[in-house]
Amino acid sequence: LPLSFATVLGGTLSLLGSSVNLLASEVSSKLGYGAFGLFAFTPIGIG
């Protein structure tokens, strides 16, 4: 179970970490809020 959780936590370290990250970036861009950069939320993800 920690193996699964470790990959979940790591998936929020960059835009490429999860398909959901890419979908969120696409939706945000379409709504006019802008797409995410590759490391846009990495500082939050590291914490």
ModelCIF file with pLDDT and N, C-alpha, C, O atoms, coordinates in Angstrom:
data_MODEL
#
_entry.id   MODEL 
#
_entity.id                         1 
_entity.type                       polymer 
_entity.pdbx_number_of_molecules   1 
#
_entity_poly.entity_id                      1 
_entity_poly.type                           'polypeptide(L)' 
_entity_poly.nstd_linkage                   no 
_entity_poly.nstd_monomer                   no 
_entity_poly.pdbx_seq_one_letter_code       LPLSFATVLGGTLSLLGSSVNLLASEVSSKLGYGAFGLFAFTPIGIG 
_entity_poly.pdbx_seq_one_letter_code_can   LPLSFATVLGGTLSLLGSSVNLLASEVSSKLGYGAFGLFAFTPIGIG 
_entity_poly.pdbx_strand_id                 A 
#
loop_
_entity_poly_seq.entity_id 
_entity_poly_seq.num 
_entity_poly_seq.mon_id 
_entity_poly_seq.hetero 
1 1  LEU n 
1 2  PRO n 
1 3  LEU n 
1 4  SER n 
1 5  PHE n 
1 6  ALA n 
1 7  THR n 
1 8  VAL n 
1 9  LEU n 
1 10 GLY n 
1 11 GLY n 
1 12 THR n 
1 13 LEU n 
1 14 SER n 
1 15 LEU n 
1 16 LEU n 
1 17 GLY n 
1 18 SER n 
1 19 SER n 
1 20 VAL n 
1 21 ASN n 
1 22 LEU n 
1 23 LEU n 
1 24 ALA n 
1 25 SER n 
1 26 GLU n 
1 27 VAL n 
1 28 SER n 
1 29 SER n 
1 30 LYS n 
1 31 LEU n 
1 32 GLY n 
1 33 TYR n 
1 34 GLY n 
1 35 ALA n 
1 36 PHE n 
1 37 GLY n 
1 38 LEU n 
1 39 PHE n 
1 40 ALA n 
1 41 PHE n 
1 42 THR n 
1 43 PRO n 
1 44 ILE n 
1 45 GLY n 
1 46 ILE n 
1 47 GLY n 
#
_struct_asym.id          A 
_struct_asym.entity_id   1 
#
loop_
_ma_qa_metric.id 
_ma_qa_metric.mode 
_ma_qa_metric.name 
_ma_qa_metric.software_group_id 
_ma_qa_metric.type 
1 global pLDDT . pLDDT 
2 local  pLDDT . pLDDT 
#
_ma_qa_metric_global.metric_id      1 
_ma_qa_metric_global.metric_value   91.38 
_ma_qa_metric_global.model_id       1 
_ma_qa_metric_global.ordinal_id     1 
#
loop_
_ma_qa_metric_local.label_asym_id 
_ma_qa_metric_local.label_comp_id 
_ma_qa_metric_local.label_seq_id 
_ma_qa_metric_local.metric_id 
_ma_qa_metric_local.metric_value 
_ma_qa_metric_local.model_id 
_ma_qa_metric_local.ordinal_id 
A LEU 1  2 92.00 1 1  
A PRO 2  2 94.00 1 2  
A LEU 3  2 93.00 1 3  
A SER 4  2 92.00 1 4  
A PHE 5  2 93.00 1 5  
A ALA 6  2 94.00 1 6  
A THR 7  2 93.00 1 7  
A VAL 8  2 92.00 1 8  
A LEU 9  2 93.00 1 9  
A GLY 10 2 93.00 1 10 
A GLY 11 2 91.00 1 11 
A THR 12 2 92.00 1 12 
A LEU 13 2 93.00 1 13 
A SER 14 2 92.00 1 14 
A LEU 15 2 92.00 1 15 
A LEU 16 2 90.00 1 16 
A GLY 17 2 89.00 1 17 
A SER 18 2 87.00 1 18 
A SER 19 2 87.00 1 19 
A VAL 20 2 89.00 1 20 
A ASN 21 2 92.00 1 21 
A LEU 22 2 91.00 1 22 
A LEU 23 2 90.00 1 23 
A ALA 24 2 92.00 1 24 
A SER 25 2 92.00 1 25 
A GLU 26 2 90.00 1 26 
A VAL 27 2 89.00 1 27 
A SER 28 2 91.00 1 28 
A SER 29 2 90.00 1 29 
A LYS 30 2 87.00 1 30 
A LEU 31 2 87.00 1 31 
A GLY 32 2 89.00 1 32 
A TYR 33 2 90.00 1 33 
A GLY 34 2 89.00 1 34 
A ALA 35 2 89.00 1 35 
A PHE 36 2 91.00 1 36 
A GLY 37 2 90.00 1 37 
A LEU 38 2 89.00 1 38 
A PHE 39 2 92.00 1 39 
A ALA 40 2 92.00 1 40 
A PHE 41 2 93.00 1 41 
A THR 42 2 94.00 1 42 
A PRO 43 2 95.00 1 43 
A ILE 44 2 95.00 1 44 
A GLY 45 2 95.00 1 45 
A ILE 46 2 95.00 1 46 
A GLY 47 2 95.00 1 47 
#
loop_
_atom_site.group_PDB 
_atom_site.id 
_atom_site.type_symbol 
_atom_site.label_atom_id 
_atom_site.label_alt_id 
_atom_site.label_comp_id 
_atom_site.label_asym_id 
_atom_site.label_entity_id 
_atom_site.label_seq_id 
_atom_site.pdbx_PDB_ins_code 
_atom_site.Cartn_x 
_atom_site.Cartn_y 
_atom_site.Cartn_z 
_atom_site.occupancy 
_atom_site.B_iso_or_equiv 
_atom_site.pdbx_formal_charge 
_atom_site.auth_seq_id 
_atom_site.auth_comp_id 
_atom_site.auth_asym_id 
_atom_site.auth_atom_id 
_atom_site.pdbx_PDB_model_num 
ATOM 1   N N  . LEU A 1 1  ? 0.825   -1.207 0.000   1.00 92.00 ? 1  LEU A N  1 
ATOM 2   C CA . LEU A 1 1  ? 0.000   0.000  0.000   1.00 92.00 ? 1  LEU A CA 1 
ATOM 3   C C  . LEU A 1 1  ? 0.864   1.264  0.000   1.00 92.00 ? 1  LEU A C  1 
ATOM 4   O O  . LEU A 1 1  ? 0.551   2.206  -0.728  1.00 92.00 ? 1  LEU A O  1 
ATOM 5   N N  . PRO A 1 2  ? 1.946   1.316  0.796   1.00 94.00 ? 2  PRO A N  1 
ATOM 6   C CA . PRO A 1 2  ? 2.851   2.469  0.688   1.00 94.00 ? 2  PRO A CA 1 
ATOM 7   C C  . PRO A 1 2  ? 3.461   2.630  -0.704  1.00 94.00 ? 2  PRO A C  1 
ATOM 8   O O  . PRO A 1 2  ? 3.750   3.754  -1.114  1.00 94.00 ? 2  PRO A O  1 
ATOM 9   N N  . LEU A 1 3  ? 3.663   1.535  -1.439  1.00 93.00 ? 3  LEU A N  1 
ATOM 10  C CA . LEU A 1 3  ? 4.159   1.658  -2.810  1.00 93.00 ? 3  LEU A CA 1 
ATOM 11  C C  . LEU A 1 3  ? 3.177   2.462  -3.655  1.00 93.00 ? 3  LEU A C  1 
ATOM 12  O O  . LEU A 1 3  ? 3.579   3.357  -4.399  1.00 93.00 ? 3  LEU A O  1 
ATOM 13  N N  . SER A 1 4  ? 1.892   2.144  -3.540  1.00 92.00 ? 4  SER A N  1 
ATOM 14  C CA . SER A 1 4  ? 0.876   2.892  -4.284  1.00 92.00 ? 4  SER A CA 1 
ATOM 15  C C  . SER A 1 4  ? 0.844   4.351  -3.842  1.00 92.00 ? 4  SER A C  1 
ATOM 16  O O  . SER A 1 4  ? 0.815   5.257  -4.675  1.00 92.00 ? 4  SER A O  1 
ATOM 17  N N  . PHE A 1 5  ? 0.849   4.575  -2.538  1.00 93.00 ? 5  PHE A N  1 
ATOM 18  C CA . PHE A 1 5  ? 0.787   5.948  -2.017  1.00 93.00 ? 5  PHE A CA 1 
ATOM 19  C C  . PHE A 1 5  ? 2.014   6.761  -2.436  1.00 93.00 ? 5  PHE A C  1 
ATOM 20  O O  . PHE A 1 5  ? 1.909   7.959  -2.697  1.00 93.00 ? 5  PHE A O  1 
ATOM 21  N N  . ALA A 1 6  ? 3.178   6.107  -2.499  1.00 94.00 ? 6  ALA A N  1 
ATOM 22  C CA . ALA A 1 6  ? 4.401   6.816  -2.897  1.00 94.00 ? 6  ALA A CA 1 
ATOM 23  C C  . ALA A 1 6  ? 4.295   7.312  -4.336  1.00 94.00 ? 6  ALA A C  1 
ATOM 24  O O  . ALA A 1 6  ? 4.742   8.416  -4.649  1.00 94.00 ? 6  ALA A O  1 
ATOM 25  N N  . THR A 1 7  ? 3.705   6.497  -5.211  1.00 93.00 ? 7  THR A N  1 
ATOM 26  C CA . THR A 1 7  ? 3.543   6.942  -6.596  1.00 93.00 ? 7  THR A CA 1 
ATOM 27  C C  . THR A 1 7  ? 2.497   8.053  -6.690  1.00 93.00 ? 7  THR A C  1 
ATOM 28  O O  . THR A 1 7  ? 2.617   8.949  -7.526  1.00 93.00 ? 7  THR A O  1 
ATOM 29  N N  . VAL A 1 8  ? 1.482   7.996  -5.844  1.00 92.00 ? 8  VAL A N  1 
ATOM 30  C CA . VAL A 1 8  ? 0.467   9.055  -5.832  1.00 92.00 ? 8  VAL A CA 1 
ATOM 31  C C  . VAL A 1 8  ? 1.097   10.386 -5.417  1.00 92.00 ? 8  VAL A C  1 
ATOM 32  O O  . VAL A 1 8  ? 0.844   11.416 -6.042  1.00 92.00 ? 8  VAL A O  1 
ATOM 33  N N  . LEU A 1 9  ? 1.912   10.364 -4.370  1.00 93.00 ? 9  LEU A N  1 
ATOM 34  C CA . LEU A 1 9  ? 2.573   11.589 -3.916  1.00 93.00 ? 9  LEU A CA 1 
ATOM 35  C C  . LEU A 1 9  ? 3.543   12.108 -4.969  1.00 93.00 ? 9  LEU A C  1 
ATOM 36  O O  . LEU A 1 9  ? 3.623   13.313 -5.206  1.00 93.00 ? 9  LEU A O  1 
ATOM 37  N N  . GLY A 1 10 ? 4.276   11.199 -5.596  1.00 93.00 ? 10 GLY A N  1 
ATOM 38  C CA . GLY A 1 10 ? 5.223   11.614 -6.623  1.00 93.00 ? 10 GLY A CA 1 
ATOM 39  C C  . GLY A 1 10 ? 4.544   12.164 -7.862  1.00 93.00 ? 10 GLY A C  1 
ATOM 40  O O  . GLY A 1 10 ? 5.132   12.962 -8.592  1.00 93.00 ? 10 GLY A O  1 
ATOM 41  N N  . GLY A 1 11 ? 3.309   11.746 -8.107  1.00 91.00 ? 11 GLY A N  1 
ATOM 42  C CA . GLY A 1 11 ? 2.594   12.199 -9.295  1.00 91.00 ? 11 GLY A CA 1 
ATOM 43  C C  . GLY A 1 11 ? 2.250   13.668 -9.298  1.00 91.00 ? 11 GLY A C  1 
ATOM 44  O O  . GLY A 1 11 ? 1.880   14.211 -10.339 1.00 91.00 ? 11 GLY A O  1 
ATOM 45  N N  . THR A 1 12 ? 2.362   14.334 -8.146  1.00 92.00 ? 12 THR A N  1 
ATOM 46  C CA . THR A 1 12 ? 2.065   15.773 -8.087  1.00 92.00 ? 12 THR A CA 1 
ATOM 47  C C  . THR A 1 12 ? 3.341   16.621 -8.063  1.00 92.00 ? 12 THR A C  1 
ATOM 48  O O  . THR A 1 12 ? 3.302   17.808 -7.737  1.00 92.00 ? 12 THR A O  1 
ATOM 49  N N  . LEU A 1 13 ? 4.462   16.001 -8.409  1.00 93.00 ? 13 LEU A N  1 
ATOM 50  C CA . LEU A 1 13 ? 5.719   16.754 -8.437  1.00 93.00 ? 13 LEU A CA 1 
ATOM 51  C C  . LEU A 1 13 ? 5.934   17.483 -9.756  1.00 93.00 ? 13 LEU A C  1 
ATOM 52  O O  . LEU A 1 13 ? 6.702   18.444 -9.811  1.00 93.00 ? 13 LEU A O  1 
ATOM 53  N N  . SER A 1 14 ? 5.274   17.046 -10.808 1.00 92.00 ? 14 SER A N  1 
ATOM 54  C CA . SER A 1 14 ? 5.404   17.730 -12.098 1.00 92.00 ? 14 SER A CA 1 
ATOM 55  C C  . SER A 1 14 ? 4.142   17.508 -12.920 1.00 92.00 ? 14 SER A C  1 
ATOM 56  O O  . SER A 1 14 ? 3.283   16.701 -12.564 1.00 92.00 ? 14 SER A O  1 
ATOM 57  N N  . LEU A 1 15 ? 4.049   18.233 -14.016 1.00 92.00 ? 15 LEU A N  1 
ATOM 58  C CA . LEU A 1 15 ? 2.877   18.133 -14.889 1.00 92.00 ? 15 LEU A CA 1 
ATOM 59  C C  . LEU A 1 15 ? 2.758   16.742 -15.497 1.00 92.00 ? 15 LEU A C  1 
ATOM 60  O O  . LEU A 1 15 ? 1.651   16.277 -15.766 1.00 92.00 ? 15 LEU A O  1 
ATOM 61  N N  . LEU A 1 16 ? 3.896   16.069 -15.718 1.00 90.00 ? 16 LEU A N  1 
ATOM 62  C CA . LEU A 1 16 ? 3.896   14.761 -16.363 1.00 90.00 ? 16 LEU A CA 1 
ATOM 63  C C  . LEU A 1 16 ? 3.591   13.620 -15.404 1.00 90.00 ? 16 LEU A C  1 
ATOM 64  O O  . LEU A 1 16 ? 3.519   12.468 -15.832 1.00 90.00 ? 16 LEU A O  1 
ATOM 65  N N  . GLY A 1 17 ? 3.410   13.907 -14.129 1.00 89.00 ? 17 GLY A N  1 
ATOM 66  C CA . GLY A 1 17 ? 3.261   12.859 -13.133 1.00 89.00 ? 17 GLY A CA 1 
ATOM 67  C C  . GLY A 1 17 ? 1.954   12.106 -13.195 1.00 89.00 ? 17 GLY A C  1 
ATOM 68  O O  . GLY A 1 17 ? 1.852   11.008 -12.648 1.00 89.00 ? 17 GLY A O  1 
ATOM 69  N N  . SER A 1 18 ? 0.955   12.663 -13.843 1.00 87.00 ? 18 SER A N  1 
ATOM 70  C CA . SER A 1 18 ? -0.358  12.013 -13.858 1.00 87.00 ? 18 SER A CA 1 
ATOM 71  C C  . SER A 1 18 ? -1.167  12.510 -15.050 1.00 87.00 ? 18 SER A C  1 
ATOM 72  O O  . SER A 1 18 ? -1.038  13.660 -15.468 1.00 87.00 ? 18 SER A O  1 
ATOM 73  N N  . SER A 1 19 ? -1.994  11.637 -15.582 1.00 87.00 ? 19 SER A N  1 
ATOM 74  C CA . SER A 1 19 ? -2.891  12.044 -16.667 1.00 87.00 ? 19 SER A CA 1 
ATOM 75  C C  . SER A 1 19 ? -3.869  13.110 -16.189 1.00 87.00 ? 19 SER A C  1 
ATOM 76  O O  . SER A 1 19 ? -4.314  13.951 -16.971 1.00 87.00 ? 19 SER A O  1 
ATOM 77  N N  . VAL A 1 20 ? -4.202  13.071 -14.903 1.00 89.00 ? 20 VAL A N  1 
ATOM 78  C CA . VAL A 1 20 ? -5.119  14.068 -14.340 1.00 89.00 ? 20 VAL A CA 1 
ATOM 79  C C  . VAL A 1 20 ? -4.481  15.458 -14.364 1.00 89.00 ? 20 VAL A C  1 
ATOM 80  O O  . VAL A 1 20 ? -5.173  16.452 -14.583 1.00 89.00 ? 20 VAL A O  1 
ATOM 81  N N  . ASN A 1 21 ? -3.171  15.533 -14.141 1.00 92.00 ? 21 ASN A N  1 
ATOM 82  C CA . ASN A 1 21 ? -2.472  16.820 -14.217 1.00 92.00 ? 21 ASN A CA 1 
ATOM 83  C C  . ASN A 1 21 ? -2.616  17.427 -15.610 1.00 92.00 ? 21 ASN A C  1 
ATOM 84  O O  . ASN A 1 21 ? -2.894  18.617 -15.758 1.00 92.00 ? 21 ASN A O  1 
ATOM 85  N N  . LEU A 1 22 ? -2.424  16.591 -16.626 1.00 91.00 ? 22 LEU A N  1 
ATOM 86  C CA . LEU A 1 22 ? -2.526  17.074 -18.000 1.00 91.00 ? 22 LEU A CA 1 
ATOM 87  C C  . LEU A 1 22 ? -3.955  17.490 -18.330 1.00 91.00 ? 22 LEU A C  1 
ATOM 88  O O  . LEU A 1 22 ? -4.167  18.490 -19.017 1.00 91.00 ? 22 LEU A O  1 
ATOM 89  N N  . LEU A 1 23 ? -4.926  16.738 -17.851 1.00 90.00 ? 23 LEU A N  1 
ATOM 90  C CA . LEU A 1 23 ? -6.326  17.109 -18.074 1.00 90.00 ? 23 LEU A CA 1 
ATOM 91  C C  . LEU A 1 23 ? -6.652  18.430 -17.391 1.00 90.00 ? 23 LEU A C  1 
ATOM 92  O O  . LEU A 1 23 ? -7.315  19.286 -17.976 1.00 90.00 ? 23 LEU A O  1 
ATOM 93  N N  . ALA A 1 24 ? -6.187  18.599 -16.153 1.00 92.00 ? 24 ALA A N  1 
ATOM 94  C CA . ALA A 1 24 ? -6.436  19.846 -15.425 1.00 92.00 ? 24 ALA A CA 1 
ATOM 95  C C  . ALA A 1 24 ? -5.825  21.036 -16.151 1.00 92.00 ? 24 ALA A C  1 
ATOM 96  O O  . ALA A 1 24 ? -6.431  22.106 -16.218 1.00 92.00 ? 24 ALA A O  1 
ATOM 97  N N  . SER A 1 25 ? -4.626  20.852 -16.694 1.00 92.00 ? 25 SER A N  1 
ATOM 98  C CA . SER A 1 25 ? -3.980  21.918 -17.458 1.00 92.00 ? 25 SER A CA 1 
ATOM 99  C C  . SER A 1 25 ? -4.789  22.277 -18.691 1.00 92.00 ? 25 SER A C  1 
ATOM 100 O O  . SER A 1 25 ? -4.953  23.453 -19.017 1.00 92.00 ? 25 SER A O  1 
ATOM 101 N N  . GLU A 1 26 ? -5.293  21.261 -19.372 1.00 90.00 ? 26 GLU A N  1 
ATOM 102 C CA . GLU A 1 26 ? -6.087  21.495 -20.577 1.00 90.00 ? 26 GLU A CA 1 
ATOM 103 C C  . GLU A 1 26 ? -7.389  22.226 -20.245 1.00 90.00 ? 26 GLU A C  1 
ATOM 104 O O  . GLU A 1 26 ? -7.761  23.174 -20.936 1.00 90.00 ? 26 GLU A O  1 
ATOM 105 N N  . VAL A 1 27 ? -8.077  21.793 -19.200 1.00 89.00 ? 27 VAL A N  1 
ATOM 106 C CA . VAL A 1 27 ? -9.330  22.441 -18.806 1.00 89.00 ? 27 VAL A CA 1 
ATOM 107 C C  . VAL A 1 27 ? -9.076  23.883 -18.381 1.00 89.00 ? 27 VAL A C  1 
ATOM 108 O O  . VAL A 1 27 ? -9.821  24.787 -18.762 1.00 89.00 ? 27 VAL A O  1 
ATOM 109 N N  . SER A 1 28 ? -8.030  24.096 -17.597 1.00 91.00 ? 28 SER A N  1 
ATOM 110 C CA . SER A 1 28 ? -7.686  25.444 -17.149 1.00 91.00 ? 28 SER A CA 1 
ATOM 111 C C  . SER A 1 28 ? -7.402  26.358 -18.337 1.00 91.00 ? 28 SER A C  1 
ATOM 112 O O  . SER A 1 28 ? -7.812  27.519 -18.346 1.00 91.00 ? 28 SER A O  1 
ATOM 113 N N  . SER A 1 29 ? -6.706  25.835 -19.331 1.00 90.00 ? 29 SER A N  1 
ATOM 114 C CA . SER A 1 29 ? -6.398  26.631 -20.522 1.00 90.00 ? 29 SER A CA 1 
ATOM 115 C C  . SER A 1 29 ? -7.668  26.994 -21.289 1.00 90.00 ? 29 SER A C  1 
ATOM 116 O O  . SER A 1 29 ? -7.829  28.133 -21.727 1.00 90.00 ? 29 SER A O  1 
ATOM 117 N N  . LYS A 1 30 ? -8.571  26.022 -21.449 1.00 87.00 ? 30 LYS A N  1 
ATOM 118 C CA . LYS A 1 30 ? -9.810  26.279 -22.184 1.00 87.00 ? 30 LYS A CA 1 
ATOM 119 C C  . LYS A 1 30 ? -10.692 27.303 -21.486 1.00 87.00 ? 30 LYS A C  1 
ATOM 120 O O  . LYS A 1 30 ? -11.410 28.061 -22.138 1.00 87.00 ? 30 LYS A O  1 
ATOM 121 N N  . LEU A 1 31 ? -10.636 27.322 -20.155 1.00 87.00 ? 31 LEU A N  1 
ATOM 122 C CA . LEU A 1 31 ? -11.470 28.251 -19.395 1.00 87.00 ? 31 LEU A CA 1 
ATOM 123 C C  . LEU A 1 31 ? -10.843 29.642 -19.276 1.00 87.00 ? 31 LEU A C  1 
ATOM 124 O O  . LEU A 1 31 ? -11.429 30.547 -18.683 1.00 87.00 ? 31 LEU A O  1 
ATOM 125 N N  . GLY A 1 32 ? -9.651  29.801 -19.846 1.00 89.00 ? 32 GLY A N  1 
ATOM 126 C CA . GLY A 1 32 ? -9.012  31.114 -19.853 1.00 89.00 ? 32 GLY A CA 1 
ATOM 127 C C  . GLY A 1 32 ? -8.110  31.390 -18.665 1.00 89.00 ? 32 GLY A C  1 
ATOM 128 O O  . GLY A 1 32 ? -7.661  32.521 -18.483 1.00 89.00 ? 32 GLY A O  1 
ATOM 129 N N  . TYR A 1 33 ? -7.839  30.381 -17.856 1.00 90.00 ? 33 TYR A N  1 
ATOM 130 C CA . TYR A 1 33 ? -6.971  30.586 -16.689 1.00 90.00 ? 33 TYR A CA 1 
ATOM 131 C C  . TYR A 1 33 ? -5.509  30.268 -16.978 1.00 90.00 ? 33 TYR A C  1 
ATOM 132 O O  . TYR A 1 33 ? -4.638  30.512 -16.143 1.00 90.00 ? 33 TYR A O  1 
ATOM 133 N N  . GLY A 1 34 ? -5.248  29.726 -18.153 1.00 89.00 ? 34 GLY A N  1 
ATOM 134 C CA . GLY A 1 34 ? -3.884  29.421 -18.563 1.00 89.00 ? 34 GLY A CA 1 
ATOM 135 C C  . GLY A 1 34 ? -3.505  27.977 -18.316 1.00 89.00 ? 34 GLY A C  1 
ATOM 136 O O  . GLY A 1 34 ? -3.950  27.357 -17.351 1.00 89.00 ? 34 GLY A O  1 
ATOM 137 N N  . ALA A 1 35 ? -2.661  27.443 -19.218 1.00 89.00 ? 35 ALA A N  1 
ATOM 138 C CA . ALA A 1 35 ? -2.151  26.082 -19.048 1.00 89.00 ? 35 ALA A CA 1 
ATOM 139 C C  . ALA A 1 35 ? -1.039  26.079 -18.000 1.00 89.00 ? 35 ALA A C  1 
ATOM 140 O O  . ALA A 1 35 ? -0.477  27.125 -17.675 1.00 89.00 ? 35 ALA A O  1 
ATOM 141 N N  . PHE A 1 36 ? -0.728  24.893 -17.476 1.00 91.00 ? 36 PHE A N  1 
ATOM 142 C CA . PHE A 1 36 ? 0.314   24.759 -16.460 1.00 91.00 ? 36 PHE A CA 1 
ATOM 143 C C  . PHE A 1 36 ? 1.658   24.518 -17.140 1.00 91.00 ? 36 PHE A C  1 
ATOM 144 O O  . PHE A 1 36 ? 1.736   23.831 -18.159 1.00 91.00 ? 36 PHE A O  1 
ATOM 145 N N  . GLY A 1 37 ? 2.712   25.092 -16.567 1.00 90.00 ? 37 GLY A N  1 
ATOM 146 C CA . GLY A 1 37 ? 4.057   24.769 -17.000 1.00 90.00 ? 37 GLY A CA 1 
ATOM 147 C C  . GLY A 1 37 ? 4.466   23.408 -16.453 1.00 90.00 ? 37 GLY A C  1 
ATOM 148 O O  . GLY A 1 37 ? 3.788   22.841 -15.596 1.00 90.00 ? 37 GLY A O  1 
ATOM 149 N N  . LEU A 1 38 ? 5.574   22.894 -16.955 1.00 89.00 ? 38 LEU A N  1 
ATOM 150 C CA . LEU A 1 38 ? 6.040   21.569 -16.554 1.00 89.00 ? 38 LEU A CA 1 
ATOM 151 C C  . LEU A 1 38 ? 6.259   21.476 -15.049 1.00 89.00 ? 38 LEU A C  1 
ATOM 152 O O  . LEU A 1 38 ? 5.964   20.451 -14.434 1.00 89.00 ? 38 LEU A O  1 
ATOM 153 N N  . PHE A 1 39 ? 6.779   22.552 -14.457 1.00 92.00 ? 39 PHE A N  1 
ATOM 154 C CA . PHE A 1 39 ? 7.050   22.552 -13.008 1.00 92.00 ? 39 PHE A CA 1 
ATOM 155 C C  . PHE A 1 39 ? 6.250   23.647 -12.294 1.00 92.00 ? 39 PHE A C  1 
ATOM 156 O O  . PHE A 1 39 ? 6.701   24.206 -11.294 1.00 92.00 ? 39 PHE A O  1 
ATOM 157 N N  . ALA A 1 40 ? 5.050   23.947 -12.824 1.00 92.00 ? 40 ALA A N  1 
ATOM 158 C CA . ALA A 1 40 ? 4.254   25.054 -12.291 1.00 92.00 ? 40 ALA A CA 1 
ATOM 159 C C  . ALA A 1 40 ? 3.881   24.852 -10.827 1.00 92.00 ? 40 ALA A C  1 
ATOM 160 O O  . ALA A 1 40 ? 3.922   25.807 -10.051 1.00 92.00 ? 40 ALA A O  1 
ATOM 161 N N  . PHE A 1 41 ? 3.519   23.639 -10.431 1.00 93.00 ? 41 PHE A N  1 
ATOM 162 C CA . PHE A 1 41 ? 3.102   23.395 -9.042  1.00 93.00 ? 41 PHE A CA 1 
ATOM 163 C C  . PHE A 1 41 ? 4.105   22.532 -8.285  1.00 93.00 ? 41 PHE A C  1 
ATOM 164 O O  . PHE A 1 41 ? 3.780   21.976 -7.236  1.00 93.00 ? 41 PHE A O  1 
ATOM 165 N N  . THR A 1 42 ? 5.326   22.418 -8.815  1.00 94.00 ? 42 THR A N  1 
ATOM 166 C CA . THR A 1 42 ? 6.353   21.593 -8.164  1.00 94.00 ? 42 THR A CA 1 
ATOM 167 C C  . THR A 1 42 ? 6.680   22.050 -6.745  1.00 94.00 ? 42 THR A C  1 
ATOM 168 O O  . THR A 1 42 ? 6.825   21.199 -5.868  1.00 94.00 ? 42 THR A O  1 
ATOM 169 N N  . PRO A 1 43 ? 6.806   23.365 -6.470  1.00 95.00 ? 43 PRO A N  1 
ATOM 170 C CA . PRO A 1 43 ? 7.089   23.769 -5.074  1.00 95.00 ? 43 PRO A CA 1 
ATOM 171 C C  . PRO A 1 43 ? 6.038   23.257 -4.081  1.00 95.00 ? 43 PRO A C  1 
ATOM 172 O O  . PRO A 1 43 ? 6.373   22.835 -2.974  1.00 95.00 ? 43 PRO A O  1 
ATOM 173 N N  . ILE A 1 44 ? 4.782   23.298 -4.485  1.00 95.00 ? 44 ILE A N  1 
ATOM 174 C CA . ILE A 1 44 ? 3.716   22.755 -3.627  1.00 95.00 ? 44 ILE A CA 1 
ATOM 175 C C  . ILE A 1 44 ? 3.848   21.233 -3.553  1.00 95.00 ? 44 ILE A C  1 
ATOM 176 O O  . ILE A 1 44 ? 3.713   20.642 -2.482  1.00 95.00 ? 44 ILE A O  1 
ATOM 177 N N  . GLY A 1 45 ? 4.111   20.608 -4.697  1.00 95.00 ? 45 GLY A N  1 
ATOM 178 C CA . GLY A 1 45 ? 4.240   19.154 -4.750  1.00 95.00 ? 45 GLY A CA 1 
ATOM 179 C C  . GLY A 1 45 ? 5.374   18.627 -3.892  1.00 95.00 ? 45 GLY A C  1 
ATOM 180 O O  . GLY A 1 45 ? 5.250   17.563 -3.287  1.00 95.00 ? 45 GLY A O  1 
ATOM 181 N N  . ILE A 1 46 ? 6.486   19.366 -3.832  1.00 95.00 ? 46 ILE A N  1 
ATOM 182 C CA . ILE A 1 46 ? 7.620   18.924 -3.003  1.00 95.00 ? 46 ILE A CA 1 
ATOM 183 C C  . ILE A 1 46 ? 7.225   18.907 -1.530  1.00 95.00 ? 46 ILE A C  1 
ATOM 184 O O  . ILE A 1 46 ? 7.549   17.966 -0.806  1.00 95.00 ? 46 ILE A O  1 
ATOM 185 N N  . GLY A 1 47 ? 6.530   19.940 -1.095  1.00 95.00 ? 47 GLY A N  1 
ATOM 186 C CA . GLY A 1 47 ? 6.070   19.972 0.299   1.00 95.00 ? 47 GLY A CA 1 
ATOM 187 C C  . GLY A 1 47 ? 5.111   18.826 0.602   1.00 95.00 ? 47 GLY A C  1 
ATOM 188 O O  . GLY A 1 47 ? 4.630   18.705 1.729   1.00 95.00 ? 47 GLY A O  1 
#
